[in-house]
N, C-alpha and C. Protein backbone atom coordinates (compact mmCIF):
# COMPACT_ATOMS: atom_id res chain seq x y z
N UNK A 1 -3.30 -10.73 2.54
CA UNK A 1 -1.86 -10.62 2.62
C UNK A 1 -1.19 -11.16 1.36
N UNK A 2 -1.76 -12.20 0.77
CA UNK A 2 -1.12 -12.83 -0.39
C UNK A 2 -1.00 -11.85 -1.55
N UNK A 3 -2.00 -11.02 -1.76
CA UNK A 3 -1.96 -10.08 -2.88
C UNK A 3 -1.36 -8.75 -2.44
N UNK A 4 -1.93 -8.15 -1.40
CA UNK A 4 -1.51 -6.80 -1.00
C UNK A 4 -0.05 -6.74 -0.57
N UNK A 5 0.38 -7.63 0.29
CA UNK A 5 1.75 -7.58 0.78
C UNK A 5 2.71 -8.40 -0.08
N UNK A 6 2.46 -9.71 -0.18
CA UNK A 6 3.40 -10.56 -0.90
C UNK A 6 3.45 -10.24 -2.39
N UNK A 7 2.34 -9.81 -2.96
CA UNK A 7 2.35 -9.38 -4.36
C UNK A 7 3.26 -8.18 -4.56
N UNK A 8 3.15 -7.21 -3.66
CA UNK A 8 4.00 -6.02 -3.72
C UNK A 8 5.46 -6.40 -3.52
N UNK A 9 5.73 -7.24 -2.52
CA UNK A 9 7.10 -7.68 -2.24
C UNK A 9 7.71 -8.40 -3.43
N UNK A 10 6.96 -9.30 -4.04
CA UNK A 10 7.48 -10.08 -5.17
C UNK A 10 7.76 -9.21 -6.39
N UNK A 11 6.90 -8.25 -6.66
CA UNK A 11 7.13 -7.35 -7.81
C UNK A 11 8.38 -6.50 -7.57
N UNK A 12 8.52 -5.96 -6.36
CA UNK A 12 9.71 -5.16 -6.06
C UNK A 12 10.97 -6.01 -6.16
N UNK A 13 10.93 -7.19 -5.60
CA UNK A 13 12.09 -8.09 -5.62
C UNK A 13 12.49 -8.43 -7.06
N UNK A 14 11.51 -8.69 -7.92
CA UNK A 14 11.80 -9.03 -9.31
C UNK A 14 12.28 -7.82 -10.11
N UNK A 15 11.83 -6.63 -9.75
CA UNK A 15 12.18 -5.42 -10.51
C UNK A 15 13.51 -4.81 -10.09
N UNK A 16 13.98 -5.08 -8.89
CA UNK A 16 15.20 -4.42 -8.40
C UNK A 16 16.43 -4.62 -9.28
N UNK A 17 16.72 -5.82 -9.75
CA UNK A 17 17.91 -5.96 -10.60
C UNK A 17 17.86 -5.07 -11.85
N UNK A 18 16.71 -4.98 -12.48
CA UNK A 18 16.57 -4.12 -13.67
C UNK A 18 16.65 -2.65 -13.29
N UNK A 19 16.10 -2.30 -12.17
CA UNK A 19 16.14 -0.91 -11.73
C UNK A 19 17.57 -0.48 -11.42
N UNK A 20 18.33 -1.35 -10.79
CA UNK A 20 19.72 -1.02 -10.46
C UNK A 20 20.59 -0.95 -11.71
N UNK A 21 20.26 -1.72 -12.74
CA UNK A 21 21.06 -1.74 -13.96
C UNK A 21 20.84 -0.49 -14.82
N UNK A 22 19.67 0.10 -14.74
CA UNK A 22 19.35 1.27 -15.57
C UNK A 22 19.67 2.57 -14.88
N UNK A 23 19.40 3.66 -15.59
CA UNK A 23 19.66 4.98 -15.00
C UNK A 23 18.44 5.52 -14.24
N UNK A 24 17.31 4.87 -14.40
CA UNK A 24 16.11 5.29 -13.67
C UNK A 24 15.73 4.16 -12.73
N UNK A 25 15.63 4.45 -11.47
CA UNK A 25 15.36 3.38 -10.52
C UNK A 25 14.38 3.80 -9.43
N UNK A 26 13.31 4.43 -9.82
CA UNK A 26 12.30 4.80 -8.83
C UNK A 26 11.21 3.73 -8.76
N UNK A 27 10.65 3.57 -7.58
CA UNK A 27 9.59 2.59 -7.35
C UNK A 27 8.42 3.33 -6.70
N UNK A 28 7.26 3.23 -7.31
CA UNK A 28 6.04 3.77 -6.70
C UNK A 28 5.16 2.61 -6.30
N UNK A 29 4.79 2.57 -5.04
CA UNK A 29 3.96 1.50 -4.50
C UNK A 29 2.58 2.06 -4.20
N UNK A 30 1.57 1.45 -4.79
CA UNK A 30 0.20 1.88 -4.54
C UNK A 30 -0.29 1.20 -3.27
N UNK A 31 -0.69 2.02 -2.32
CA UNK A 31 -1.20 1.48 -1.05
C UNK A 31 -2.58 2.08 -0.82
N UNK A 32 -2.92 2.24 0.42
CA UNK A 32 -4.25 2.73 0.75
C UNK A 32 -4.20 3.48 2.07
N UNK A 33 -5.09 4.43 2.23
CA UNK A 33 -5.20 5.12 3.52
C UNK A 33 -5.61 4.15 4.63
N UNK A 34 -6.15 3.01 4.26
CA UNK A 34 -6.49 1.99 5.26
C UNK A 34 -5.25 1.47 5.95
N UNK A 35 -4.08 1.66 5.36
CA UNK A 35 -2.83 1.29 5.99
C UNK A 35 -2.28 2.36 6.90
N UNK A 36 -2.92 3.52 6.91
CA UNK A 36 -2.52 4.63 7.77
C UNK A 36 -3.55 4.83 8.88
N UNK A 37 -4.83 4.86 8.50
CA UNK A 37 -5.93 5.03 9.44
C UNK A 37 -6.92 3.87 9.26
N UNK A 38 -6.90 2.91 10.16
CA UNK A 38 -7.81 1.78 10.00
C UNK A 38 -9.27 2.20 10.14
N UNK A 39 -10.14 1.46 9.50
CA UNK A 39 -11.56 1.77 9.50
C UNK A 39 -12.36 0.53 9.87
N UNK A 40 -13.44 0.73 10.58
CA UNK A 40 -14.34 -0.36 10.96
C UNK A 40 -14.72 -1.16 9.73
N UNK A 41 -14.67 -2.48 9.87
CA UNK A 41 -15.07 -3.34 8.77
C UNK A 41 -13.94 -3.76 7.85
N UNK A 42 -12.74 -3.31 8.10
CA UNK A 42 -11.60 -3.62 7.25
C UNK A 42 -10.54 -4.41 8.01
N UNK A 43 -10.96 -5.35 8.84
CA UNK A 43 -10.07 -6.11 9.70
C UNK A 43 -9.05 -6.95 8.97
N UNK A 44 -9.34 -7.39 7.78
CA UNK A 44 -8.38 -8.17 7.00
C UNK A 44 -7.58 -7.28 6.05
N UNK A 45 -8.20 -6.23 5.55
CA UNK A 45 -7.57 -5.37 4.55
C UNK A 45 -6.54 -4.42 5.16
N UNK A 46 -6.90 -3.75 6.24
CA UNK A 46 -6.01 -2.75 6.85
C UNK A 46 -4.66 -3.32 7.27
N UNK A 47 -4.60 -4.48 7.95
CA UNK A 47 -3.28 -5.01 8.32
C UNK A 47 -2.39 -5.29 7.11
N UNK A 48 -2.98 -5.73 6.01
CA UNK A 48 -2.15 -6.00 4.83
C UNK A 48 -1.59 -4.71 4.26
N UNK A 49 -2.34 -3.61 4.36
CA UNK A 49 -1.85 -2.33 3.88
C UNK A 49 -0.85 -1.70 4.86
N UNK A 50 -1.02 -1.98 6.17
CA UNK A 50 0.00 -1.58 7.13
C UNK A 50 1.31 -2.28 6.81
N UNK A 51 1.25 -3.55 6.41
CA UNK A 51 2.44 -4.32 6.06
C UNK A 51 3.13 -3.72 4.83
N UNK A 52 2.37 -3.27 3.85
CA UNK A 52 2.95 -2.62 2.67
C UNK A 52 3.65 -1.34 3.07
N UNK A 53 3.03 -0.60 3.95
CA UNK A 53 3.64 0.64 4.44
C UNK A 53 4.97 0.35 5.15
N UNK A 54 4.98 -0.67 6.01
CA UNK A 54 6.20 -1.04 6.72
C UNK A 54 7.27 -1.53 5.75
N UNK A 55 6.88 -2.28 4.73
CA UNK A 55 7.83 -2.74 3.72
C UNK A 55 8.52 -1.55 3.06
N UNK A 56 7.76 -0.54 2.70
CA UNK A 56 8.34 0.66 2.08
C UNK A 56 9.32 1.35 3.01
N UNK A 57 8.98 1.42 4.30
CA UNK A 57 9.86 2.07 5.28
C UNK A 57 11.17 1.30 5.42
N UNK A 58 11.09 -0.02 5.49
CA UNK A 58 12.30 -0.84 5.63
C UNK A 58 13.16 -0.76 4.37
N UNK A 59 12.55 -0.86 3.21
CA UNK A 59 13.32 -0.78 1.97
C UNK A 59 13.95 0.59 1.77
N UNK A 60 13.30 1.61 2.26
CA UNK A 60 13.87 2.96 2.18
C UNK A 60 15.20 3.01 2.95
N UNK A 61 15.30 2.26 4.04
CA UNK A 61 16.54 2.22 4.82
C UNK A 61 17.57 1.29 4.21
N UNK A 62 17.13 0.22 3.56
CA UNK A 62 18.05 -0.80 3.08
C UNK A 62 18.59 -0.55 1.67
N UNK A 63 17.84 0.10 0.82
CA UNK A 63 18.24 0.27 -0.57
C UNK A 63 18.97 1.60 -0.77
N UNK A 64 19.65 1.69 -1.90
CA UNK A 64 20.31 2.96 -2.22
C UNK A 64 19.24 4.04 -2.39
N UNK A 65 19.58 5.29 -2.18
CA UNK A 65 18.57 6.36 -2.16
C UNK A 65 17.63 6.42 -3.36
N UNK A 66 18.12 6.25 -4.56
CA UNK A 66 17.26 6.35 -5.73
C UNK A 66 16.29 5.20 -5.92
N UNK A 67 16.60 4.06 -5.28
CA UNK A 67 15.78 2.87 -5.49
C UNK A 67 14.75 2.65 -4.39
N UNK A 68 14.66 3.55 -3.45
CA UNK A 68 13.72 3.33 -2.36
C UNK A 68 12.29 3.58 -2.84
N UNK A 69 11.35 2.77 -2.38
CA UNK A 69 9.97 2.90 -2.83
C UNK A 69 9.28 4.13 -2.25
N UNK A 70 8.43 4.71 -3.04
CA UNK A 70 7.61 5.84 -2.60
C UNK A 70 6.16 5.38 -2.56
N UNK A 71 5.60 5.22 -1.36
CA UNK A 71 4.20 4.77 -1.31
C UNK A 71 3.24 5.89 -1.70
N UNK A 72 2.20 5.52 -2.38
CA UNK A 72 1.13 6.44 -2.74
C UNK A 72 -0.12 5.95 -2.03
N UNK A 73 -0.65 6.76 -1.13
CA UNK A 73 -1.80 6.35 -0.33
C UNK A 73 -3.09 6.87 -0.96
N UNK A 74 -3.78 5.97 -1.60
CA UNK A 74 -5.04 6.32 -2.25
C UNK A 74 -6.17 6.34 -1.23
N UNK A 75 -7.07 7.27 -1.44
CA UNK A 75 -8.24 7.29 -0.56
C UNK A 75 -9.25 6.29 -1.06
N UNK A 76 -10.33 6.17 -0.37
CA UNK A 76 -11.33 5.16 -0.68
C UNK A 76 -11.91 5.38 -2.07
N UNK A 77 -12.05 4.31 -2.79
CA UNK A 77 -12.67 4.33 -4.10
C UNK A 77 -14.08 3.77 -3.97
N UNK A 78 -15.05 4.51 -4.40
CA UNK A 78 -16.44 4.05 -4.33
C UNK A 78 -16.79 3.32 -5.61
N UNK A 79 -16.99 2.04 -5.50
CA UNK A 79 -17.39 1.22 -6.63
C UNK A 79 -18.62 0.42 -6.21
N UNK A 80 -19.39 -0.09 -7.15
CA UNK A 80 -20.56 -0.90 -6.78
C UNK A 80 -20.18 -2.10 -5.90
N UNK A 81 -19.00 -2.66 -6.12
CA UNK A 81 -18.58 -3.81 -5.33
C UNK A 81 -18.22 -3.43 -3.89
N UNK A 82 -17.65 -2.25 -3.68
CA UNK A 82 -17.18 -1.87 -2.35
C UNK A 82 -18.22 -1.11 -1.53
N UNK A 83 -19.31 -0.69 -2.13
CA UNK A 83 -20.28 0.12 -1.41
C UNK A 83 -21.03 -0.71 -0.38
N UNK A 84 -21.05 -0.21 0.86
CA UNK A 84 -21.82 -0.81 1.94
C UNK A 84 -22.46 0.33 2.71
N UNK A 85 -23.72 0.21 3.08
CA UNK A 85 -24.39 1.31 3.77
C UNK A 85 -23.68 1.77 5.05
N UNK A 86 -23.06 0.89 5.79
CA UNK A 86 -22.44 1.27 7.06
C UNK A 86 -21.03 1.83 6.91
N UNK A 87 -20.54 1.97 5.71
CA UNK A 87 -19.18 2.46 5.55
C UNK A 87 -19.11 3.74 4.71
N UNK A 88 -20.22 4.42 4.56
CA UNK A 88 -20.23 5.67 3.81
C UNK A 88 -19.53 6.74 4.62
N UNK A 89 -18.90 7.74 3.95
CA UNK A 89 -18.28 8.84 4.68
C UNK A 89 -19.29 9.48 5.64
N UNK A 90 -18.85 9.76 6.82
CA UNK A 90 -19.71 10.38 7.81
C UNK A 90 -20.40 9.38 8.72
N UNK A 91 -20.39 8.11 8.37
CA UNK A 91 -20.99 7.10 9.25
C UNK A 91 -20.16 7.01 10.52
N UNK A 92 -20.79 6.82 11.65
CA UNK A 92 -20.11 6.89 12.94
C UNK A 92 -19.02 5.82 13.12
N UNK A 93 -19.05 4.74 12.35
CA UNK A 93 -18.06 3.68 12.50
C UNK A 93 -16.89 3.79 11.53
N UNK A 94 -16.85 4.83 10.75
CA UNK A 94 -15.80 4.92 9.74
C UNK A 94 -15.08 6.26 9.82
N UNK A 95 -13.77 6.20 9.93
CA UNK A 95 -12.96 7.43 9.96
C UNK A 95 -12.44 7.72 8.56
N UNK A 96 -12.73 8.92 8.05
CA UNK A 96 -12.21 9.32 6.73
C UNK A 96 -11.42 10.58 6.88
């Protein structure tokens, strides 16, 4: 939560004054499909990404139209650090 949610919140909060002052005020928030469809083994990660998704929805209602965040939901990235045999696409415990 400290990085995924509060990091996103703090960056948006710090950037809003500059975005409102300029003529371009779009915000793109990088999130994850884990915040849309939870997957086995991501019990700590998925809730933090759900929180980012909810933050974007709330800010979309609270901010002026041009300054509302647009979440980008990235699919799973396969890296040596994230690879686990039980979480490969097609494994019975993981929804992709």
